[in-house]
């Protein structure tokens, strides 16, 4: 019996609970069909499962925000789980034009998941039933077995969860709560936002109350120990009740009655990018820090495209022609990690001005792309960036030096550049890349890296590229640093928010040392970090209030409100009203 069959048998023995909207009376829907008791019960459980796939909650609404709240559902998989007849019966029941419970965008899209293949149509709960309030239903063994058998994600979640069980266990081993000042903070924040509402605008008011109700929901779930936590099978990140919590509320968290402190990787996405461009990451095939281990689907894709195995080329000067490149790469390809680990060699190279240095030390072919010498030199400079101090400030200063326009440094510039980093990494619109001031700044200093990013968009797609960076983060933070910390201090808490790790203040130095040492050992690049101590302040900062108000200010009409309604819940609004009216 293979590993997946063993895991499937184990999972069949664990009750499966699903969330459904309390606004939908499934029992009444089924009763109207006059079916036999057995048939009615089976259909009811299938409706529970379908609704659980698309229900919007405070915990998951952001997942489908870019898709207008629609969750893409594979009809192929759902027909296997429910049976063809019942699947179409359920769709008919839930889309009844007299009182539709769900609606579709009628748009078939190719699945973006590495796990779920084929085409999907988007569904969401209609505004009337989109209250945000949910209840749990336990599915019977027969229904559960069909889901486990036909929904690949369920098995993948189980397998990746087993790998990081030591982190998931933290939510059971420790009691999370909040400093009571959190409620003073939320009330002050809400009242400040309400004072900004223009002419008592009902839509702005609903947005404010929805926000406050959502924050209260997160706090109260943690206070009641009603926690959720899950490892994503796509990007391998740990998402939980803590990751959903607003940044400004996290300082109020207590663990076993004590505040938690945090160490956070700075410029994390630029840093992780620096580690995956190296030839070693691409070509190593054993367990550990390499593409094959971290993202086997992309590794196999590159193999199938001929960029790793069976490439028939020869290296001549600064170009490649047909004959065994794989053998050449395995022995001669430039390894940026090894190169940058020797500052003396690096500085000697950069200052030498030799036209032959680049061709003798590294080839012009990386990740299936040809690079000029000056482009490769910029990639070296990128890996030598001061990630351990201030990457963004350094980039601004270097741009000024290159352009000859040296000006005073303003922190606002740094923040704008930092906010643009996701566009630098993932915007594949060439017009945008050539016209955005901050992207052009990056291109000026690191043209080879910009070319590498554009090439990777074409080679594997920007979604897989994002997953690759996130999986790299998860490997280094979760699998290496957190695992070793837990082995050294097994009874001390350790919680994560992607590239940030929480524990007690007295253990922060040990955590910092692990982070610095292991990251450098593995990537060859120094990492930067900042620490935040668990000190709560019930007085909101004006800049935090203004940041939230900027998201609400333009929601002044029904038309604008309809664009955001999938994330606005009656449940939140009512909770917000009740809380803010209480003195």
Protein backbone atom coordinates (compact mmCIF):
# COMPACT_ATOMS: atom_id res chain seq x y z
CA UNK A 1 0.00 0.00 0.00
CA UNK A 2 1.52 3.35 -1.07
CA UNK A 3 1.85 6.43 1.15
CA UNK A 4 -1.19 8.23 -0.29
CA UNK A 5 -3.45 5.20 0.27
CA UNK A 6 -2.25 4.94 3.87
CA UNK A 7 -2.93 8.64 4.39
CA UNK A 8 -6.36 8.29 2.76
CA UNK A 9 -7.31 5.48 5.16
CA UNK A 10 -6.20 7.59 8.12
CA UNK A 11 -8.18 10.58 6.91
CA UNK A 12 -11.34 8.53 6.40
CA UNK A 13 -11.33 7.81 10.13
CA UNK A 14 -11.26 11.53 11.08
CA UNK A 15 -14.61 13.38 11.06
CA UNK A 16 -14.74 16.10 8.39
CA UNK A 17 -16.38 19.37 9.45
CA UNK A 18 -17.36 22.03 6.94
CA UNK A 19 -18.54 25.62 7.31
CA UNK A 20 -21.87 26.65 5.77
CA UNK A 21 -23.78 29.96 5.89
CA UNK A 22 -26.42 30.00 8.65
CA UNK A 23 -28.59 32.08 6.32
CA UNK A 24 -29.33 29.06 4.09
CA UNK A 25 -31.97 26.57 5.27
CA UNK A 26 -30.68 23.46 3.51
CA UNK A 27 -33.15 21.17 5.24
CA UNK A 28 -36.08 23.21 3.90
CA UNK A 29 -34.61 23.19 0.39
CA UNK A 30 -34.41 19.41 0.34
CA UNK A 31 -37.81 18.85 1.96
CA UNK A 32 -39.45 20.63 -0.95
CA UNK A 33 -38.27 17.87 -3.31
CA UNK A 34 -40.30 15.05 -1.65
CA UNK A 35 -37.42 12.56 -1.73
CA UNK A 36 -36.92 9.42 0.36
CA UNK A 37 -35.25 9.94 3.77
CA UNK A 38 -31.99 8.35 2.60
CA UNK A 39 -31.89 10.30 -0.64
CA UNK A 40 -32.75 13.53 1.21
CA UNK A 41 -29.95 13.01 3.73
CA UNK A 42 -27.39 12.31 1.01
CA UNK A 43 -28.44 15.37 -0.99
CA UNK A 44 -28.36 17.57 2.09
CA UNK A 45 -24.76 16.58 2.84
CA UNK A 46 -23.76 17.26 -0.76
CA UNK A 47 -25.31 20.75 -0.57
CA UNK A 48 -23.38 21.35 2.66
CA UNK A 49 -20.17 20.48 0.90
CA UNK A 50 -20.89 22.66 -2.14
CA UNK A 51 -21.80 25.66 0.01
CA UNK A 52 -18.66 25.15 2.10
CA UNK A 53 -16.58 25.54 -1.05
CA UNK A 54 -17.90 29.03 -1.83
CA UNK A 55 -19.06 30.52 1.48
CA UNK A 56 -17.42 33.86 2.25
CA UNK A 57 -16.29 34.42 5.84
CA UNK A 58 -14.12 36.90 7.70
CA UNK A 59 -11.38 34.29 7.51
CA UNK A 60 -11.41 33.62 3.77
CA UNK A 61 -13.03 36.52 1.91
CA UNK A 62 -9.68 37.95 0.77
CA UNK A 63 -8.81 34.74 -1.09
CA UNK A 64 -11.29 35.58 -3.86
CA UNK A 65 -11.18 39.38 -3.58
CA UNK A 66 -9.53 39.81 -6.98
CA UNK A 67 -12.21 37.60 -8.54
CA UNK A 68 -15.07 39.80 -7.22
CA UNK A 69 -15.77 37.26 -4.48
CA UNK A 70 -16.30 34.36 -6.88
CA UNK A 71 -14.72 31.03 -5.98
CA UNK A 72 -13.71 28.96 -8.99
CA UNK A 73 -15.22 25.48 -8.82
CA UNK A 74 -14.21 22.55 -11.04
CA UNK A 75 -17.40 20.95 -12.36
CA UNK A 76 -15.41 17.82 -13.28
CA UNK A 77 -14.34 17.24 -9.69
CA UNK A 78 -17.73 18.21 -8.22
CA UNK A 79 -19.52 15.76 -10.51
CA UNK A 80 -17.20 13.01 -9.27
CA UNK A 81 -17.85 13.93 -5.64
CA UNK A 82 -21.62 14.38 -5.93
CA UNK A 83 -22.58 12.39 -8.97
CA UNK A 84 -23.64 14.05 -12.21
CA UNK A 85 -27.40 14.08 -11.49
CA UNK A 86 -27.09 15.49 -7.98
CA UNK A 87 -24.53 18.09 -9.03
CA UNK A 88 -26.85 19.65 -11.60
CA UNK A 89 -29.83 19.33 -9.24
CA UNK A 90 -27.90 21.25 -6.56
CA UNK A 91 -26.90 23.99 -9.03
CA UNK A 92 -30.56 24.30 -10.08
CA UNK A 93 -31.77 24.50 -6.47
CA UNK A 94 -29.22 27.10 -5.41
CA UNK A 95 -29.63 29.32 -8.50
CA UNK A 96 -33.47 29.33 -8.44
CA UNK A 97 -34.28 32.71 -10.09
CA UNK A 98 -37.15 33.31 -7.63
CA UNK A 99 -34.72 33.41 -4.70
CA UNK A 100 -31.13 32.68 -5.79
CA UNK A 101 -28.77 31.60 -3.02
CA UNK A 102 -25.70 31.53 -5.26
CA UNK A 103 -24.75 33.28 -8.46
CA UNK A 104 -22.19 32.60 -11.16
CA UNK A 105 -19.96 34.89 -13.19
CA UNK A 106 -20.53 32.49 -16.14
CA UNK A 107 -16.83 32.65 -16.86
CA UNK A 108 -14.91 29.44 -17.46
CA UNK A 109 -11.28 29.76 -16.41
CA UNK A 110 -8.37 27.38 -16.45
CA UNK A 111 -7.48 26.32 -12.92
CA UNK A 112 -4.47 28.21 -11.51
CA UNK A 113 -3.79 25.59 -8.86
CA UNK A 114 -0.98 23.06 -9.21
CA UNK A 115 -3.35 20.51 -7.72
CA UNK A 116 -6.74 21.04 -9.33
CA UNK A 117 -6.51 20.74 -13.11
CA UNK A 118 -9.04 21.58 -15.83
CA UNK A 119 -11.52 24.45 -16.16
CA UNK A 120 -13.58 26.08 -13.43
CA UNK A 121 -16.58 28.41 -13.21
CA UNK A 122 -16.87 31.08 -10.52
CA UNK A 123 -19.65 30.99 -7.89
CA UNK A 124 -20.42 33.15 -4.87
CA UNK A 125 -23.19 33.56 -2.29
CA UNK A 126 -25.70 36.25 -3.31
CA UNK A 127 -25.81 39.49 -1.34
CA UNK A 128 -29.01 38.50 0.51
CA UNK A 129 -27.43 35.34 1.95
CA UNK A 130 -23.90 36.71 2.30
CA UNK A 131 -24.24 37.48 6.03
CA UNK A 132 -20.80 36.18 7.06
CA UNK A 133 -22.27 34.09 9.88
CA UNK A 134 -21.47 30.37 9.61
CA UNK A 135 -22.07 27.10 11.38
CA UNK A 136 -20.29 23.75 11.25
CA UNK A 137 -21.68 20.54 9.80
CA UNK A 138 -20.03 17.12 10.07
CA UNK A 139 -20.12 15.06 6.90
CA UNK A 140 -20.74 11.30 7.11
CA UNK A 141 -18.04 8.78 6.28
CA UNK A 142 -19.39 7.95 2.81
CA UNK A 143 -19.43 11.59 1.70
CA UNK A 144 -16.03 12.16 3.23
CA UNK A 145 -14.50 9.18 1.42
CA UNK A 146 -15.68 10.48 -1.96
CA UNK A 147 -14.24 13.93 -1.24
CA UNK A 148 -10.87 12.53 -0.17
CA UNK A 149 -10.78 10.29 -3.23
CA UNK A 150 -11.67 12.93 -5.83
CA UNK A 151 -10.47 16.28 -4.43
CA UNK A 152 -6.66 16.34 -4.74
CA UNK A 153 -6.31 19.37 -2.46
CA UNK A 154 -7.63 17.45 0.56
CA UNK A 155 -4.85 14.89 0.34
CA UNK A 156 -2.19 17.49 -0.42
CA UNK A 157 -3.24 19.53 2.62
CA UNK A 158 -2.90 16.42 4.77
CA UNK A 159 0.57 15.58 3.46
CA UNK A 160 1.97 19.10 3.86
CA UNK A 161 0.29 19.43 7.28
CA UNK A 162 2.05 16.29 8.49
CA UNK A 163 5.38 17.89 7.56
CA UNK A 164 4.66 20.94 9.71
CA UNK A 165 2.65 19.29 12.45
CA UNK A 166 5.02 20.67 15.09
CA UNK A 167 3.85 24.19 14.17
CA UNK A 168 0.16 23.29 13.96
CA UNK A 169 0.46 21.71 17.42
CA UNK A 170 1.34 25.12 18.86
CA UNK A 171 -2.32 26.11 18.64
CA UNK A 172 -3.24 23.21 20.92
CA UNK A 173 -0.28 23.36 23.30
CA UNK A 174 -0.63 27.05 24.16
CA UNK A 175 -3.53 29.28 25.14
CA UNK A 176 -3.88 32.47 23.11
CA UNK A 177 -5.78 35.49 24.41
CA UNK A 178 -5.66 39.30 24.32
CA UNK A 179 -4.69 42.11 26.60
CA UNK A 180 -7.96 43.83 27.57
CA UNK A 181 -6.66 47.06 26.04
CA UNK A 182 -7.44 45.64 22.60
CA UNK A 183 -11.11 46.58 23.03
CA UNK A 184 -10.23 50.18 23.95
CA UNK A 185 -8.06 50.31 20.84
CA UNK A 186 -10.81 48.97 18.54
CA UNK A 187 -13.41 51.33 19.99
CA UNK A 188 -11.15 54.38 19.61
CA UNK A 189 -10.24 53.33 16.07
CA UNK A 190 -13.88 52.87 15.09
CA UNK A 191 -15.00 56.20 16.50
CA UNK A 192 -12.18 58.00 14.71
CA UNK A 193 -13.23 56.43 11.41
CA UNK A 194 -16.90 57.28 11.97
CA UNK A 195 -15.92 60.91 12.59
CA UNK A 196 -14.50 60.98 9.04
CA UNK A 197 -17.73 59.75 7.39
CA UNK A 198 -19.03 62.43 5.03
CA UNK A 199 -22.64 63.65 5.59
CA UNK A 200 -23.53 60.41 7.40
CA UNK A 201 -23.01 58.47 4.16
CA UNK A 202 -24.61 55.04 4.65
CA UNK A 203 -22.07 53.16 2.55
CA UNK A 204 -19.02 54.61 4.27
CA UNK A 205 -20.75 53.94 7.61
CA UNK A 206 -21.37 50.30 6.65
CA UNK A 207 -17.73 49.91 5.66
CA UNK A 208 -16.53 51.26 9.02
CA UNK A 209 -18.92 49.07 11.00
CA UNK A 210 -18.00 46.04 8.90
CA UNK A 211 -14.31 46.61 9.66
CA UNK A 212 -14.86 46.95 13.41
CA UNK A 213 -17.17 43.91 13.44
CA UNK A 214 -14.54 41.88 11.60
CA UNK A 215 -11.81 42.84 14.08
CA UNK A 216 -14.09 41.87 16.97
CA UNK A 217 -14.81 38.55 15.28
CA UNK A 218 -11.10 37.74 15.02
CA UNK A 219 -10.43 38.74 18.63
CA UNK A 220 -13.40 36.86 20.04
CA UNK A 221 -12.62 33.66 18.13
CA UNK A 222 -9.12 33.62 19.56
CA UNK A 223 -10.44 34.48 23.04
CA UNK A 224 -12.83 31.50 22.82
CA UNK A 225 -10.01 29.23 21.57
CA UNK A 226 -12.05 28.72 18.39
CA UNK A 227 -8.95 28.69 16.19
CA UNK A 228 -8.25 27.64 12.64
CA UNK A 229 -4.90 26.86 11.08
CA UNK A 230 -3.91 25.32 7.79
CA UNK A 231 -0.85 24.83 5.57
CA UNK A 232 -1.53 25.84 1.97
CA UNK A 233 -0.66 23.07 -0.51
CA UNK A 234 0.05 25.72 -3.16
CA UNK A 235 2.54 28.06 -1.47
CA UNK A 236 3.28 26.01 1.71
CA UNK A 237 2.52 28.98 3.95
CA UNK A 238 0.90 28.51 7.35
CA UNK A 239 -2.33 30.52 7.52
CA UNK A 240 -4.23 30.83 10.78
CA UNK A 241 -6.37 32.93 13.06
CA UNK A 242 -3.20 34.93 13.79
CA UNK A 243 -2.26 35.64 10.17
CA UNK A 244 -5.76 37.05 9.57
CA UNK A 245 -5.40 39.42 12.51
CA UNK A 246 -4.73 43.05 11.61
CA UNK A 247 -1.09 44.07 12.08
CA UNK A 248 -2.05 46.78 14.58
CA UNK A 249 -3.92 44.26 16.76
CA UNK A 250 -1.10 41.73 17.04
CA UNK A 251 0.81 43.54 19.84
CA UNK A 252 -2.18 42.81 22.11
CA UNK A 253 -1.83 39.01 21.72
CA UNK A 254 -0.96 37.04 24.86
CA UNK A 255 0.29 33.46 24.95
CA UNK A 256 -0.36 31.68 28.23
CA UNK A 257 -0.94 35.15 29.68
CA UNK A 258 2.42 36.54 28.46
CA UNK A 259 3.05 38.94 25.55
CA UNK A 260 4.75 37.64 22.43
CA UNK A 261 7.63 39.31 20.60
CA UNK A 262 8.49 39.01 16.92
CA UNK A 263 11.46 38.75 14.60
CA UNK A 264 10.61 39.70 11.02
CA UNK A 265 12.68 39.28 7.83
CA UNK A 266 13.18 42.67 6.16
CA UNK A 267 12.87 43.08 2.37
CA UNK A 268 11.90 39.42 2.39
CA UNK A 269 10.70 39.00 -1.21
CA UNK A 270 13.77 40.74 -2.74
CA UNK A 271 15.92 38.61 -0.42
CA UNK A 272 14.31 35.32 -1.42
CA UNK A 273 14.61 36.33 -5.07
CA UNK A 274 18.36 36.67 -4.61
CA UNK A 275 18.59 33.04 -3.46
CA UNK A 276 16.65 31.34 -6.25
CA UNK A 277 18.52 32.86 -9.22
CA UNK A 278 21.66 30.87 -8.38
CA UNK A 279 22.54 27.90 -10.58
CA UNK A 280 22.87 25.64 -7.54
CA UNK A 281 19.23 26.20 -6.65
CA UNK A 282 18.19 25.24 -10.17
CA UNK A 283 20.47 22.25 -10.69
CA UNK A 284 20.84 20.50 -7.32
CA UNK A 285 18.62 17.42 -7.27
CA UNK A 286 18.91 16.11 -3.70
CA UNK A 287 16.83 16.91 -0.63
CA UNK A 288 17.19 20.42 0.69
CA UNK A 289 17.28 23.96 -0.66
CA UNK A 290 16.74 23.55 -4.38
CA UNK A 291 14.01 23.80 -6.99
CA UNK A 292 13.40 20.08 -7.23
CA UNK A 293 12.69 19.76 -3.49
CA UNK A 294 10.82 23.02 -2.99
CA UNK A 295 8.76 23.10 -6.18
CA UNK A 296 8.90 19.76 -8.04
CA UNK A 297 6.12 20.77 -10.44
CA UNK A 298 8.19 23.69 -11.77
CA UNK A 299 11.32 21.54 -11.84
CA UNK A 300 9.51 18.98 -14.00
CA UNK A 301 8.16 21.77 -16.20
CA UNK A 302 11.68 23.02 -16.86
CA UNK A 303 12.83 19.46 -17.53
CA UNK A 304 9.99 19.02 -20.04
CA UNK A 305 10.98 22.28 -21.73
CA UNK A 306 14.59 21.14 -21.94
CA UNK A 307 16.12 23.73 -19.63
CA UNK A 308 17.59 21.27 -17.14
CA UNK A 309 18.05 17.86 -18.74
CA UNK A 310 18.80 16.73 -22.27
CA UNK A 311 19.68 20.18 -23.62
CA UNK A 312 21.86 19.74 -26.66
CA UNK A 313 24.18 22.75 -26.82
CA UNK A 314 27.81 23.83 -26.64
CA UNK A 315 29.32 26.92 -25.14
CA UNK A 316 31.32 29.10 -27.49
CA UNK A 317 32.62 32.41 -26.18
CA UNK A 318 29.58 34.24 -24.88
CA UNK A 319 26.97 32.24 -26.80
CA UNK A 320 25.55 28.71 -26.77
CA UNK A 321 25.14 26.44 -29.77
CA UNK A 322 23.99 22.81 -30.03
CA UNK A 323 25.82 20.13 -27.89
CA UNK A 324 25.51 18.88 -24.19
CA UNK A 325 24.93 22.00 -22.06
CA UNK A 326 23.93 19.94 -19.04
CA UNK A 327 27.44 18.58 -18.67
CA UNK A 328 28.88 22.05 -19.14
CA UNK A 329 26.53 23.64 -16.62
CA UNK A 330 27.13 20.97 -13.98
CA UNK A 331 30.85 21.69 -14.01
CA UNK A 332 31.25 25.31 -15.12
CA UNK A 333 28.08 27.32 -14.64
CA UNK A 334 28.51 30.42 -12.51
CA UNK A 335 27.20 29.91 -8.99
CA UNK A 336 26.31 33.34 -7.65
CA UNK A 337 26.14 32.03 -4.09
CA UNK A 338 29.75 30.85 -4.15
CA UNK A 339 30.86 33.98 -5.95
CA UNK A 340 29.29 36.48 -3.58
CA UNK A 341 30.49 34.58 -0.52
CA UNK A 342 33.92 35.98 -1.39
CA UNK A 343 33.71 39.81 -1.23
CA UNK A 344 37.36 40.16 -2.16
CA UNK A 345 36.90 38.16 -5.35
CA UNK A 346 33.69 40.02 -6.12
CA UNK A 347 35.23 43.46 -5.68
CA UNK A 348 38.26 42.43 -7.70
CA UNK A 349 36.00 41.33 -10.53
CA UNK A 350 33.78 44.39 -10.49
CA UNK A 351 36.76 46.73 -10.52
CA UNK A 352 38.91 44.83 -12.99
CA UNK A 353 37.22 45.98 -16.18
CA UNK A 354 38.50 42.83 -17.89
CA UNK A 355 36.47 41.86 -20.92
CA UNK A 356 37.32 38.20 -20.45
CA UNK A 357 36.45 37.85 -16.78
CA UNK A 358 32.75 37.20 -17.23
CA UNK A 359 33.20 34.48 -19.83
CA UNK A 360 35.88 32.72 -17.81
CA UNK A 361 33.97 32.77 -14.51
CA UNK A 362 30.37 32.36 -15.62
CA UNK A 363 28.43 31.66 -18.82
CA UNK A 364 25.75 33.87 -20.34
CA UNK A 365 23.02 31.25 -20.00
CA UNK A 366 20.88 30.96 -16.86
CA UNK A 367 17.35 29.55 -16.39
CA UNK A 368 16.97 29.22 -20.14
CA UNK A 369 17.97 32.80 -20.92
CA UNK A 370 21.03 34.46 -22.45
CA UNK A 371 22.54 37.37 -20.51
CA UNK A 372 25.09 39.96 -21.49
CA UNK A 373 28.13 40.52 -19.28
CA UNK A 374 26.78 43.82 -17.88
CA UNK A 375 23.48 42.13 -17.05
CA UNK A 376 25.23 39.35 -15.14
CA UNK A 377 27.32 41.91 -13.29
CA UNK A 378 24.11 43.60 -12.13
CA UNK A 379 22.87 40.24 -10.83
CA UNK A 380 26.04 39.95 -8.78
CA UNK A 381 25.49 43.46 -7.42
CA UNK A 382 21.93 42.49 -6.55
CA UNK A 383 23.07 39.55 -4.43
CA UNK A 384 25.55 41.86 -2.74
CA UNK A 385 22.78 44.31 -1.83
CA UNK A 386 22.60 45.21 1.87
CA UNK A 387 19.62 43.01 2.67
CA UNK A 388 20.94 42.91 6.24
CA UNK A 389 20.57 46.69 6.61
CA UNK A 390 18.28 48.62 4.23
CA UNK A 391 17.83 47.28 0.71
CA UNK A 392 15.31 49.93 -0.37
CA UNK A 393 17.31 52.93 0.84
CA UNK A 394 20.43 51.52 -0.83
CA UNK A 395 18.57 51.14 -4.13
CA UNK A 396 17.44 54.77 -4.01
CA UNK A 397 20.96 56.01 -3.22
CA UNK A 398 22.51 53.87 -5.97
CA UNK A 399 19.99 55.23 -8.49
CA UNK A 400 20.95 58.78 -7.54
CA UNK A 401 24.63 57.97 -7.94
CA UNK A 402 24.14 56.39 -11.38
CA UNK A 403 21.92 59.22 -12.62
CA UNK A 404 24.15 61.92 -11.13
CA UNK A 405 21.18 63.53 -9.36
CA UNK A 406 22.14 63.10 -5.71
CA UNK A 407 19.34 64.42 -3.53
CA UNK A 408 18.29 64.26 0.10
CA UNK A 409 16.82 60.91 1.13
CA UNK A 410 13.17 60.95 2.15
CA UNK A 411 11.54 58.02 4.00
CA UNK A 412 8.42 58.51 1.84
CA UNK A 413 10.47 57.48 -1.21
CA UNK A 414 11.50 54.28 0.51
CA UNK A 415 7.90 53.41 1.40
CA UNK A 416 6.73 54.02 -2.18
CA UNK A 417 9.51 51.80 -3.51
CA UNK A 418 8.70 49.11 -0.97
CA UNK A 419 5.00 49.30 -1.91
CA UNK A 420 5.97 48.88 -5.58
CA UNK A 421 8.05 45.74 -5.00
CA UNK A 422 5.15 43.40 -5.77
CA UNK A 423 4.77 45.14 -9.15
CA UNK A 424 8.52 44.85 -9.79
CA UNK A 425 8.25 41.12 -9.16
CA UNK A 426 4.91 40.20 -10.65
CA UNK A 427 3.67 42.80 -13.14
CA UNK A 428 4.24 41.26 -16.57
CA UNK A 429 2.79 44.18 -18.53
CA UNK A 430 5.76 45.57 -20.44
CA UNK A 431 4.15 49.00 -20.78
CA UNK A 432 3.73 49.21 -17.00
CA UNK A 433 7.28 48.02 -16.37
CA UNK A 434 8.72 50.65 -18.69
CA UNK A 435 6.71 53.58 -17.33
CA UNK A 436 6.54 53.06 -13.56
CA UNK A 437 9.13 55.27 -11.88
CA UNK A 438 10.08 52.74 -9.20
CA UNK A 439 10.27 49.82 -11.61
CA UNK A 440 12.50 51.91 -13.88
CA UNK A 441 14.70 52.65 -10.86
CA UNK A 442 15.08 48.90 -10.29
CA UNK A 443 15.80 48.33 -14.01
CA UNK A 444 18.49 51.01 -13.99
CA UNK A 445 20.41 49.44 -11.11
CA UNK A 446 19.67 45.75 -11.76
CA UNK A 447 18.93 45.28 -15.50
CA UNK A 448 19.92 41.62 -15.42
CA UNK A 449 17.55 40.87 -12.54
CA UNK A 450 14.72 42.68 -14.32
CA UNK A 451 15.42 40.61 -17.44
CA UNK A 452 15.50 37.43 -15.34
CA UNK A 453 12.10 38.33 -13.78
CA UNK A 454 10.53 39.02 -17.19
CA UNK A 455 11.92 35.75 -18.49
CA UNK A 456 10.60 33.77 -15.52
CA UNK A 457 7.12 35.23 -16.14
CA UNK A 458 7.28 33.78 -19.64
CA UNK A 459 8.93 30.53 -18.58
CA UNK A 460 6.73 29.43 -15.65
CA UNK A 461 4.10 32.18 -15.24
CA UNK A 462 3.84 34.83 -12.55
CA UNK A 463 1.56 32.74 -10.31
CA UNK A 464 4.08 29.89 -10.12
CA UNK A 465 6.81 32.48 -9.65
CA UNK A 466 4.93 33.90 -6.64
CA UNK A 467 4.45 30.40 -5.25
CA UNK A 468 8.16 29.71 -5.77
CA UNK A 469 9.17 32.74 -3.69
CA UNK A 470 6.62 31.85 -1.00
CA UNK A 471 7.71 28.21 -0.88
CA UNK A 472 11.31 29.38 -0.58
CA UNK A 473 10.24 31.54 2.35
CA UNK A 474 8.38 28.63 3.95
CA UNK A 475 11.35 26.30 3.56
CA UNK A 476 13.78 28.71 5.21
CA UNK A 477 11.45 30.07 7.91
CA UNK A 478 9.28 27.06 8.77
CA UNK A 479 11.29 24.00 7.83
CA UNK A 480 14.71 25.26 8.89
CA UNK A 481 14.54 28.04 11.49
CA UNK A 482 11.29 27.16 13.28
CA UNK A 483 12.02 23.44 13.27
CA UNK A 484 15.44 23.90 14.84
CA UNK A 485 14.11 26.41 17.37
CA UNK A 486 11.40 23.93 18.37
CA UNK A 487 13.96 21.14 18.75
CA UNK A 488 16.06 23.34 21.06
CA UNK A 489 13.12 24.78 23.03
CA UNK A 490 10.30 22.23 22.68
CA UNK A 491 8.01 23.73 25.36
CA UNK A 492 8.34 27.37 24.25
CA UNK A 493 5.76 28.84 21.87
CA UNK A 494 6.55 29.55 18.24
CA UNK A 495 3.97 31.06 15.90
CA UNK A 496 4.48 32.39 12.39
CA UNK A 497 3.03 35.02 10.10
CA UNK A 498 4.73 34.08 6.83
CA UNK A 499 8.22 35.69 7.13
CA UNK A 500 7.76 36.69 10.79
CA UNK A 501 8.17 34.44 13.83
CA UNK A 502 6.73 35.00 17.33
CA UNK A 503 7.96 33.69 20.67
CA UNK A 504 8.60 35.03 24.18
CA UNK A 505 10.93 38.03 24.45
CA UNK A 506 13.59 36.14 26.41
CA UNK A 507 14.01 33.64 23.54
CA UNK A 508 14.22 36.27 20.82
CA UNK A 509 18.07 36.37 20.79
CA UNK A 510 18.20 32.62 20.13
CA UNK A 511 15.65 32.97 17.35
CA UNK A 512 17.56 35.87 15.79
CA UNK A 513 20.83 33.92 15.83
CA UNK A 514 19.21 30.93 14.15
CA UNK A 515 17.69 33.15 11.50
CA UNK A 516 20.95 34.89 10.66
CA UNK A 517 23.14 31.80 10.72
CA UNK A 518 20.91 29.34 8.86
CA UNK A 519 19.85 31.78 6.16
CA UNK A 520 23.47 32.68 5.39
CA UNK A 521 24.63 29.04 5.49
CA UNK A 522 21.94 28.01 3.02
CA UNK A 523 21.74 30.98 0.63
CA UNK A 524 25.15 32.62 0.97
CA UNK A 525 23.42 36.00 1.36
CA UNK A 526 23.16 37.94 4.62
CA UNK A 527 19.62 38.47 5.85
CA UNK A 528 18.18 41.47 7.63
CA UNK A 529 15.52 41.43 10.32
CA UNK A 530 13.70 43.67 12.74
CA UNK A 531 12.28 42.89 16.14
CA UNK A 532 9.00 43.99 17.68
CA UNK A 533 8.28 43.56 21.35
CA UNK A 534 4.80 42.79 22.67
CA UNK A 535 3.96 46.22 24.02
CA UNK A 536 0.38 47.25 23.40
CA UNK A 537 -0.87 50.82 23.11
CA UNK A 538 -4.65 51.38 23.22
CA UNK A 539 -4.24 54.74 21.42
CA UNK A 540 -4.43 54.28 17.61
CA UNK A 541 -1.81 56.01 15.48
CA UNK A 542 -3.16 58.66 13.07
CA UNK A 543 -1.29 57.09 10.15
CA UNK A 544 -2.99 53.73 10.76
CA UNK A 545 -6.41 55.40 10.88
CA UNK A 546 -5.68 57.31 7.67
CA UNK A 547 -4.56 54.10 5.96
CA UNK A 548 -7.89 52.39 6.71
CA UNK A 549 -9.89 55.49 5.83
CA UNK A 550 -8.22 55.63 2.40
CA UNK A 551 -9.83 52.24 1.63
CA UNK A 552 -13.27 53.44 2.77
CA UNK A 553 -13.36 57.07 1.60
CA UNK A 554 -14.39 56.37 -2.01
CA UNK A 555 -17.22 53.94 -1.14
CA UNK A 556 -19.94 56.61 -1.29
CA UNK A 557 -22.49 55.13 -3.74
CA UNK A 558 -24.41 51.91 -4.13
CA UNK A 559 -22.45 51.19 -7.33
CA UNK A 560 -19.12 51.39 -5.49
CA UNK A 561 -20.52 49.42 -2.56
CA UNK A 562 -21.63 46.56 -4.83
CA UNK A 563 -18.01 46.08 -5.91
CA UNK A 564 -16.95 45.27 -2.34
CA UNK A 565 -20.09 43.60 -0.96
CA UNK A 566 -18.67 40.03 -0.99
CA UNK A 567 -16.47 41.13 1.93
CA UNK A 568 -19.15 43.12 3.75
CA UNK A 569 -21.29 41.08 6.15
CA UNK A 570 -24.50 41.97 8.00
CA UNK A 571 -23.08 39.92 10.87
CA UNK A 572 -20.10 42.31 11.14
CA UNK A 573 -22.16 45.48 10.81
CA UNK A 574 -24.56 44.46 13.58
CA UNK A 575 -21.66 43.52 15.85
CA UNK A 576 -19.91 46.82 15.09
CA UNK A 577 -23.04 48.86 15.88
CA UNK A 578 -23.59 47.10 19.19
CA UNK A 579 -19.95 47.46 20.24
CA UNK A 580 -19.52 51.13 19.39
CA UNK A 581 -22.79 52.08 21.07
CA UNK A 582 -21.58 50.49 24.29
CA UNK A 583 -19.79 53.10 26.36
